[in-house]
């Protein structure tokens, strides 16, 4: 396995920052829709869409970590 390069701009520090910002953005949008009680079809679609974005972000984050660990990229 190779040692991670801390000067690499595509390192895990930046990946984590992007993932956390994406999850916070999704939580903010969903929280706003739920907090303002927008119980409409559009509100439900927004919650489902951003819930899917958050789920896929977590899944790709875990997959990327596992891939890099096993492949030693």
PDB file of N, CA and C in Angstrom:
ATOM      1  N   UNK A   1       0.829  -1.190   0.000  1.00  0.00           N
ATOM      2  CA  UNK A   1       0.000   0.000   0.000  1.00  0.00           C
ATOM      3  C   UNK A   1       0.865   1.242   0.000  1.00  0.00           C
ATOM      4  N   UNK A   2       0.376   2.266  -0.648  1.00  0.00           N
ATOM      5  CA  UNK A   2       1.120   3.505  -0.688  1.00  0.00           C
ATOM      6  C   UNK A   2       0.683   4.431   0.434  1.00  0.00           C
ATOM      7  N   UNK A   3       1.572   5.295   0.835  1.00  0.00           N
ATOM      8  CA  UNK A   3       1.259   6.282   1.868  1.00  0.00           C
ATOM      9  C   UNK A   3       0.565   7.469   1.223  1.00  0.00           C
ATOM     10  N   UNK A   4      -0.548   7.928   1.833  1.00  0.00           N
ATOM     11  CA  UNK A   4      -1.248   9.062   1.235  1.00  0.00           C
ATOM     12  C   UNK A   4      -0.391  10.322   1.265  1.00  0.00           C
ATOM     13  N   UNK A   5      -0.484  11.093   0.206  1.00  0.00           N
ATOM     14  CA  UNK A   5       0.266  12.334   0.094  1.00  0.00           C
ATOM     15  C   UNK A   5      -0.568  13.478   0.663  1.00  0.00           C
ATOM     16  N   UNK A   6      -0.132  14.118   1.766  1.00  0.00           N
ATOM     17  CA  UNK A   6      -0.950  15.179   2.369  1.00  0.00           C
ATOM     18  C   UNK A   6      -1.054  16.427   1.507  1.00  0.00           C
ATOM     19  N   UNK A   7      -0.165  16.581   0.530  1.00  0.00           N
ATOM     20  CA  UNK A   7      -0.241  17.755  -0.341  1.00  0.00           C
ATOM     21  C   UNK A   7      -1.132  17.523  -1.549  1.00  0.00           C
ATOM     22  N   UNK A   8      -1.669  16.327  -1.692  1.00  0.00           N
ATOM     23  CA  UNK A   8      -2.528  15.987  -2.818  1.00  0.00           C
ATOM     24  C   UNK A   8      -3.873  16.706  -2.670  1.00  0.00           C
ATOM     25  N   UNK A   9      -4.264  17.566  -3.615  1.00  0.00           N
ATOM     26  CA  UNK A   9      -5.527  18.291  -3.482  1.00  0.00           C
ATOM     27  C   UNK A   9      -6.758  17.390  -3.567  1.00  0.00           C
ATOM     28  N   UNK A  10      -6.606  16.186  -4.066  1.00  0.00           N
ATOM     29  CA  UNK A  10      -7.756  15.286  -4.119  1.00  0.00           C
ATOM     30  C   UNK A  10      -7.745  14.330  -2.935  1.00  0.00           C
ATOM     31  N   UNK A  11      -7.037  14.683  -1.883  1.00  0.00           N
ATOM     32  CA  UNK A  11      -6.924  13.839  -0.701  1.00  0.00           C
ATOM     33  C   UNK A  11      -8.232  13.759   0.073  1.00  0.00           C
ATOM     34  N   UNK A  12      -8.216  12.946   1.089  1.00  0.00           N
ATOM     35  CA  UNK A  12      -9.426  12.679   1.860  1.00  0.00           C
ATOM     36  C   UNK A  12      -9.912  13.885   2.637  1.00  0.00           C
ATOM     37  N   UNK A  13      -9.020  14.790   2.980  1.00  0.00           N
ATOM     38  CA  UNK A  13      -9.455  16.003   3.684  1.00  0.00           C
ATOM     39  C   UNK A  13     -10.458  16.776   2.838  1.00  0.00           C
ATOM     40  N   UNK A  14     -10.170  16.930   1.568  1.00  0.00           N
ATOM     41  CA  UNK A  14     -11.055  17.678   0.677  1.00  0.00           C
ATOM     42  C   UNK A  14     -12.293  16.869   0.310  1.00  0.00           C
ATOM     43  N   UNK A  15     -12.125  15.581   0.174  1.00  0.00           N
ATOM     44  CA  UNK A  15     -13.291  14.730  -0.113  1.00  0.00           C
ATOM     45  C   UNK A  15     -14.282  14.780   1.038  1.00  0.00           C
ATOM     46  N   UNK A  16     -13.760  14.677   2.270  1.00  0.00           N
ATOM     47  CA  UNK A  16     -14.653  14.743   3.429  1.00  0.00           C
ATOM     48  C   UNK A  16     -15.363  16.078   3.499  1.00  0.00           C
ATOM     49  N   UNK A  17     -14.652  17.153   3.202  1.00  0.00           N
ATOM     50  CA  UNK A  17     -15.259  18.480   3.247  1.00  0.00           C
ATOM     51  C   UNK A  17     -16.406  18.582   2.243  1.00  0.00           C
ATOM     52  N   UNK A  18     -16.211  18.067   1.050  1.00  0.00           N
ATOM     53  CA  UNK A  18     -17.266  18.102   0.036  1.00  0.00           C
ATOM     54  C   UNK A  18     -18.454  17.246   0.460  1.00  0.00           C
ATOM     55  N   UNK A  19     -18.173  16.054   1.014  1.00  0.00           N
ATOM     56  CA  UNK A  19     -19.254  15.175   1.464  1.00  0.00           C
ATOM     57  C   UNK A  19     -20.043  15.827   2.590  1.00  0.00           C
ATOM     58  N   UNK A  20     -19.355  16.391   3.574  1.00  0.00           N
ATOM     59  CA  UNK A  20     -20.057  17.007   4.698  1.00  0.00           C
ATOM     60  C   UNK A  20     -20.865  18.221   4.251  1.00  0.00           C
ATOM     61  N   UNK A  21     -20.321  19.015   3.355  1.00  0.00           N
ATOM     62  CA  UNK A  21     -21.075  20.169   2.855  1.00  0.00           C
ATOM     63  C   UNK A  21     -22.314  19.731   2.078  1.00  0.00           C
ATOM     64  N   UNK A  22     -22.183  18.674   1.287  1.00  0.00           N
ATOM     65  CA  UNK A  22     -23.329  18.155   0.548  1.00  0.00           C
ATOM     66  C   UNK A  22     -24.406  17.646   1.496  1.00  0.00           C
ATOM     67  N   UNK A  23     -23.989  16.908   2.532  1.00  0.00           N
ATOM     68  CA  UNK A  23     -24.962  16.392   3.492  1.00  0.00           C
ATOM     69  C   UNK A  23     -25.623  17.514   4.288  1.00  0.00           C
ATOM     70  N   UNK A  24     -24.870  18.534   4.656  1.00  0.00           N
ATOM     71  CA  UNK A  24     -25.461  19.675   5.356  1.00  0.00           C
ATOM     72  C   UNK A  24     -26.441  20.421   4.469  1.00  0.00           C
ATOM     73  N   UNK A  25     -26.113  20.563   3.192  1.00  0.00           N
ATOM     74  CA  UNK A  25     -27.012  21.218   2.257  1.00  0.00           C
ATOM     75  C   UNK A  25     -28.314  20.426   2.118  1.00  0.00           C
ATOM     76  N   UNK A  26     -28.191  19.116   1.985  1.00  0.00           N
ATOM     77  CA  UNK A  26     -29.386  18.268   1.880  1.00  0.00           C
ATOM     78  C   UNK A  26     -30.229  18.367   3.147  1.00  0.00           C
ATOM     79  N   UNK A  27     -29.567  18.324   4.296  1.00  0.00           N
ATOM     80  CA  UNK A  27     -30.300  18.426   5.563  1.00  0.00           C
ATOM     81  C   UNK A  27     -30.989  19.779   5.691  1.00  0.00           C
ATOM     82  N   UNK A  28     -30.327  20.825   5.228  1.00  0.00           N
ATOM     83  CA  UNK A  28     -30.940  22.154   5.289  1.00  0.00           C
ATOM     84  C   UNK A  28     -32.177  22.262   4.409  1.00  0.00           C
ATOM     85  N   UNK A  29     -32.102  21.742   3.207  1.00  0.00           N
ATOM     86  CA  UNK A  29     -33.249  21.791   2.299  1.00  0.00           C
ATOM     87  C   UNK A  29     -34.408  20.968   2.852  1.00  0.00           C
ATOM     88  N   UNK A  30     -34.103  19.749   3.296  1.00  0.00           N
ATOM     89  CA  UNK A  30     -35.160  18.886   3.848  1.00  0.00           C
ATOM     90  C   UNK A  30     -35.734  19.511   5.118  1.00  0.00           C
ATOM     91  N   UNK A  31     -34.872  20.053   5.965  1.00  0.00           N
ATOM     92  CA  UNK A  31     -35.350  20.704   7.189  1.00  0.00           C
ATOM     93  C   UNK A  31     -36.239  21.897   6.899  1.00  0.00           C
ATOM     94  N   UNK A  32     -35.895  22.662   5.865  1.00  0.00           N
ATOM     95  CA  UNK A  32     -36.715  23.804   5.490  1.00  0.00           C
ATOM     96  C   UNK A  32     -38.096  23.353   5.004  1.00  0.00           C
ATOM     97  N   UNK A  33     -38.117  22.352   4.153  1.00  0.00           N
ATOM     98  CA  UNK A  33     -39.391  21.866   3.612  1.00  0.00           C
ATOM     99  C   UNK A  33     -40.262  21.302   4.733  1.00  0.00           C
ATOM    100  N   UNK A  34     -39.647  20.529   5.625  1.00  0.00           N
ATOM    101  CA  UNK A  34     -40.414  19.946   6.733  1.00  0.00           C
ATOM    102  C   UNK A  34     -40.810  21.032   7.733  1.00  0.00           C
ATOM    103  N   UNK A  35     -39.899  21.965   8.003  1.00  0.00           N
ATOM    104  CA  UNK A  35     -40.177  23.017   8.974  1.00  0.00           C
ATOM    105  C   UNK A  35     -41.258  23.979   8.549  1.00  0.00           C
ATOM    106  N   UNK A  36     -41.371  24.249   7.261  1.00  0.00           N
ATOM    107  CA  UNK A  36     -42.415  25.150   6.776  1.00  0.00           C
ATOM    108  C   UNK A  36     -43.706  24.408   6.454  1.00  0.00           C
ATOM    109  N   UNK A  37     -43.704  23.113   6.710  1.00  0.00           N
ATOM    110  CA  UNK A  37     -44.893  22.260   6.524  1.00  0.00           C
ATOM    111  C   UNK A  37     -45.465  22.355   5.110  1.00  0.00           C
ATOM    112  N   UNK A  38     -44.585  22.236   4.144  1.00  0.00           N
ATOM    113  CA  UNK A  38     -45.014  22.248   2.749  1.00  0.00           C
ATOM    114  C   UNK A  38     -45.435  20.837   2.354  1.00  0.00           C
ATOM    115  N   UNK A  39     -46.630  20.474   2.770  1.00  0.00           N
ATOM    116  CA  UNK A  39     -47.123  19.128   2.490  1.00  0.00           C
ATOM    117  C   UNK A  39     -47.828  19.109   1.134  1.00  0.00           C
ATOM    118  N   UNK A  40     -47.026  19.299   0.109  1.00  0.00           N
ATOM    119  CA  UNK A  40     -47.531  19.267  -1.255  1.00  0.00           C
ATOM    120  C   UNK A  40     -46.749  18.199  -2.016  1.00  0.00           C
ATOM    121  N   UNK A  41     -47.160  17.941  -3.221  1.00  0.00           N
ATOM    122  CA  UNK A  41     -46.432  16.983  -4.048  1.00  0.00           C
ATOM    123  C   UNK A  41     -45.013  17.474  -4.327  1.00  0.00           C
ATOM    124  N   UNK A  42     -44.875  18.779  -4.542  1.00  0.00           N
ATOM    125  CA  UNK A  42     -43.552  19.334  -4.782  1.00  0.00           C
ATOM    126  C   UNK A  42     -42.667  19.189  -3.545  1.00  0.00           C
ATOM    127  N   UNK A  43     -43.225  19.433  -2.374  1.00  0.00           N
ATOM    128  CA  UNK A  43     -42.469  19.271  -1.138  1.00  0.00           C
ATOM    129  C   UNK A  43     -42.015  17.831  -0.942  1.00  0.00           C
ATOM    130  N   UNK A  44     -42.893  16.897  -1.219  1.00  0.00           N
ATOM    131  CA  UNK A  44     -42.530  15.473  -1.103  1.00  0.00           C
ATOM    132  C   UNK A  44     -41.444  15.101  -2.105  1.00  0.00           C
ATOM    133  N   UNK A  45     -41.547  15.630  -3.312  1.00  0.00           N
ATOM    134  CA  UNK A  45     -40.546  15.351  -4.337  1.00  0.00           C
ATOM    135  C   UNK A  45     -39.177  15.925  -3.940  1.00  0.00           C
ATOM    136  N   UNK A  46     -39.183  17.117  -3.370  1.00  0.00           N
ATOM    137  CA  UNK A  46     -37.929  17.727  -2.920  1.00  0.00           C
ATOM    138  C   UNK A  46     -37.293  16.888  -1.820  1.00  0.00           C
ATOM    139  N   UNK A  47     -38.076  16.456  -0.852  1.00  0.00           N
ATOM    140  CA  UNK A  47     -37.553  15.637   0.242  1.00  0.00           C
ATOM    141  C   UNK A  47     -37.015  14.310  -0.290  1.00  0.00           C
ATOM    142  N   UNK A  48     -37.737  13.682  -1.198  1.00  0.00           N
ATOM    143  CA  UNK A  48     -37.268  12.410  -1.759  1.00  0.00           C
ATOM    144  C   UNK A  48     -35.992  12.596  -2.574  1.00  0.00           C
ATOM    145  N   UNK A  49     -35.926  13.674  -3.348  1.00  0.00           N
ATOM    146  CA  UNK A  49     -34.753  13.927  -4.181  1.00  0.00           C
ATOM    147  C   UNK A  49     -33.514  14.192  -3.341  1.00  0.00           C
ATOM    148  N   UNK A  50     -33.626  15.061  -2.356  1.00  0.00           N
ATOM    149  CA  UNK A  50     -32.465  15.382  -1.538  1.00  0.00           C
ATOM    150  C   UNK A  50     -32.136  14.262  -0.561  1.00  0.00           C
ATOM    151  N   UNK A  51     -33.124  13.475  -0.177  1.00  0.00           N
ATOM    152  CA  UNK A  51     -32.829  12.272   0.601  1.00  0.00           C
ATOM    153  C   UNK A  51     -32.046  11.263  -0.224  1.00  0.00           C
ATOM    154  N   UNK A  52     -32.392  11.136  -1.491  1.00  0.00           N
ATOM    155  CA  UNK A  52     -31.651  10.251  -2.387  1.00  0.00           C
ATOM    156  C   UNK A  52     -30.252  10.754  -2.646  1.00  0.00           C
ATOM    157  N   UNK A  53     -30.101  12.069  -2.773  1.00  0.00           N
ATOM    158  CA  UNK A  53     -28.767  12.642  -2.962  1.00  0.00           C
ATOM    159  C   UNK A  53     -27.895  12.375  -1.741  1.00  0.00           C
ATOM    160  N   UNK A  54     -28.446  12.550  -0.546  1.00  0.00           N
ATOM    161  CA  UNK A  54     -27.682  12.291   0.673  1.00  0.00           C
ATOM    162  C   UNK A  54     -27.310  10.812   0.778  1.00  0.00           C
ATOM    163  N   UNK A  55     -28.250   9.934   0.471  1.00  0.00           N
ATOM    164  CA  UNK A  55     -27.972   8.495   0.534  1.00  0.00           C
ATOM    165  C   UNK A  55     -26.910   8.080  -0.461  1.00  0.00           C
ATOM    166  N   UNK A  56     -27.004   8.598  -1.671  1.00  0.00           N
ATOM    167  CA  UNK A  56     -26.000   8.228  -2.678  1.00  0.00           C
ATOM    168  C   UNK A  56     -24.642   8.831  -2.351  1.00  0.00           C
ATOM    169  N   UNK A  57     -24.606  10.000  -1.750  1.00  0.00           N
ATOM    170  CA  UNK A  57     -23.332  10.600  -1.340  1.00  0.00           C
ATOM    171  C   UNK A  57     -22.650   9.731  -0.295  1.00  0.00           C
ATOM    172  N   UNK A  58     -23.402   9.266   0.689  1.00  0.00           N
ATOM    173  CA  UNK A  58     -22.836   8.382   1.715  1.00  0.00           C
ATOM    174  C   UNK A  58     -22.369   7.073   1.089  1.00  0.00           C
ATOM    175  N   UNK A  59     -23.165   6.516   0.195  1.00  0.00           N
ATOM    176  CA  UNK A  59     -22.808   5.242  -0.427  1.00  0.00           C
ATOM    177  C   UNK A  59     -21.521   5.375  -1.247  1.00  0.00           C
ATOM    178  N   UNK A  60     -21.409   6.434  -2.037  1.00  0.00           N
ATOM    179  CA  UNK A  60     -20.200   6.618  -2.840  1.00  0.00           C
ATOM    180  C   UNK A  60     -18.986   6.937  -1.983  1.00  0.00           C
ATOM    181  N   UNK A  61     -19.190   7.624  -0.879  1.00  0.00           N
ATOM    182  CA  UNK A  61     -18.091   7.915   0.041  1.00  0.00           C
ATOM    183  C   UNK A  61     -17.534   6.615   0.627  1.00  0.00           C
ATOM    184  N   UNK A  62     -18.427   5.746   1.083  1.00  0.00           N
ATOM    185  CA  UNK A  62     -17.996   4.459   1.643  1.00  0.00           C
ATOM    186  C   UNK A  62     -17.373   3.587   0.551  1.00  0.00           C
ATOM    187  N   UNK A  63     -17.984   3.549  -0.620  1.00  0.00           N
ATOM    188  CA  UNK A  63     -17.438   2.761  -1.720  1.00  0.00           C
ATOM    189  C   UNK A  63     -16.058   3.262  -2.123  1.00  0.00           C
ATOM    190  N   UNK A  64     -15.899   4.571  -2.196  1.00  0.00           N
ATOM    191  CA  UNK A  64     -14.599   5.134  -2.554  1.00  0.00           C
ATOM    192  C   UNK A  64     -13.528   4.811  -1.530  1.00  0.00           C
ATOM    193  N   UNK A  65     -13.895   4.848  -0.264  1.00  0.00           N
ATOM    194  CA  UNK A  65     -12.926   4.516   0.786  1.00  0.00           C
ATOM    195  C   UNK A  65     -12.531   3.049   0.701  1.00  0.00           C
ATOM    196  N   UNK A  66     -13.505   2.193   0.498  1.00  0.00           N
ATOM    197  CA  UNK A  66     -13.209   0.765   0.399  1.00  0.00           C
ATOM    198  C   UNK A  66     -12.381   0.471  -0.844  1.00  0.00           C
ATOM    199  N   UNK A  67     -12.708   1.100  -1.947  1.00  0.00           N
ATOM    200  CA  UNK A  67     -11.968   0.887  -3.195  1.00  0.00           C
ATOM    201  C   UNK A  67     -10.518   1.328  -3.046  1.00  0.00           C
ATOM    202  N   UNK A  68     -10.317   2.505  -2.487  1.00  0.00           N
ATOM    203  CA  UNK A  68      -8.961   3.002  -2.342  1.00  0.00           C
ATOM    204  C   UNK A  68      -8.149   2.139  -1.366  1.00  0.00           C
ATOM    205  N   UNK A  69      -8.811   1.643  -0.352  1.00  0.00           N
ATOM    206  CA  UNK A  69      -8.111   0.801   0.623  1.00  0.00           C
ATOM    207  C   UNK A  69      -7.689  -0.534   0.028  1.00  0.00           C
ATOM    208  N   UNK A  70      -8.559  -1.145  -0.768  1.00  0.00           N
ATOM    209  CA  UNK A  70      -8.228  -2.459  -1.331  1.00  0.00           C
ATOM    210  C   UNK A  70      -7.322  -2.350  -2.544  1.00  0.00           C
ATOM    211  N   UNK A  71      -7.476  -1.313  -3.332  1.00  0.00           N
ATOM    212  CA  UNK A  71      -6.676  -1.154  -4.546  1.00  0.00           C
ATOM    213  C   UNK A  71      -5.366  -0.424  -4.302  1.00  0.00           C
ATOM    214  N   UNK A  72      -5.276   0.304  -3.184  1.00  0.00           N
ATOM    215  CA  UNK A  72      -4.045   1.018  -2.871  1.00  0.00           C
ATOM    216  C   UNK A  72      -3.742   2.149  -3.816  1.00  0.00           C
ATOM    217  N   UNK A  73      -4.779   2.843  -4.256  1.00  0.00           N
ATOM    218  CA  UNK A  73      -4.590   3.946  -5.204  1.00  0.00           C
ATOM    219  C   UNK A  73      -3.990   5.131  -4.515  1.00  0.00           C
TER     220      UNK A  73
END
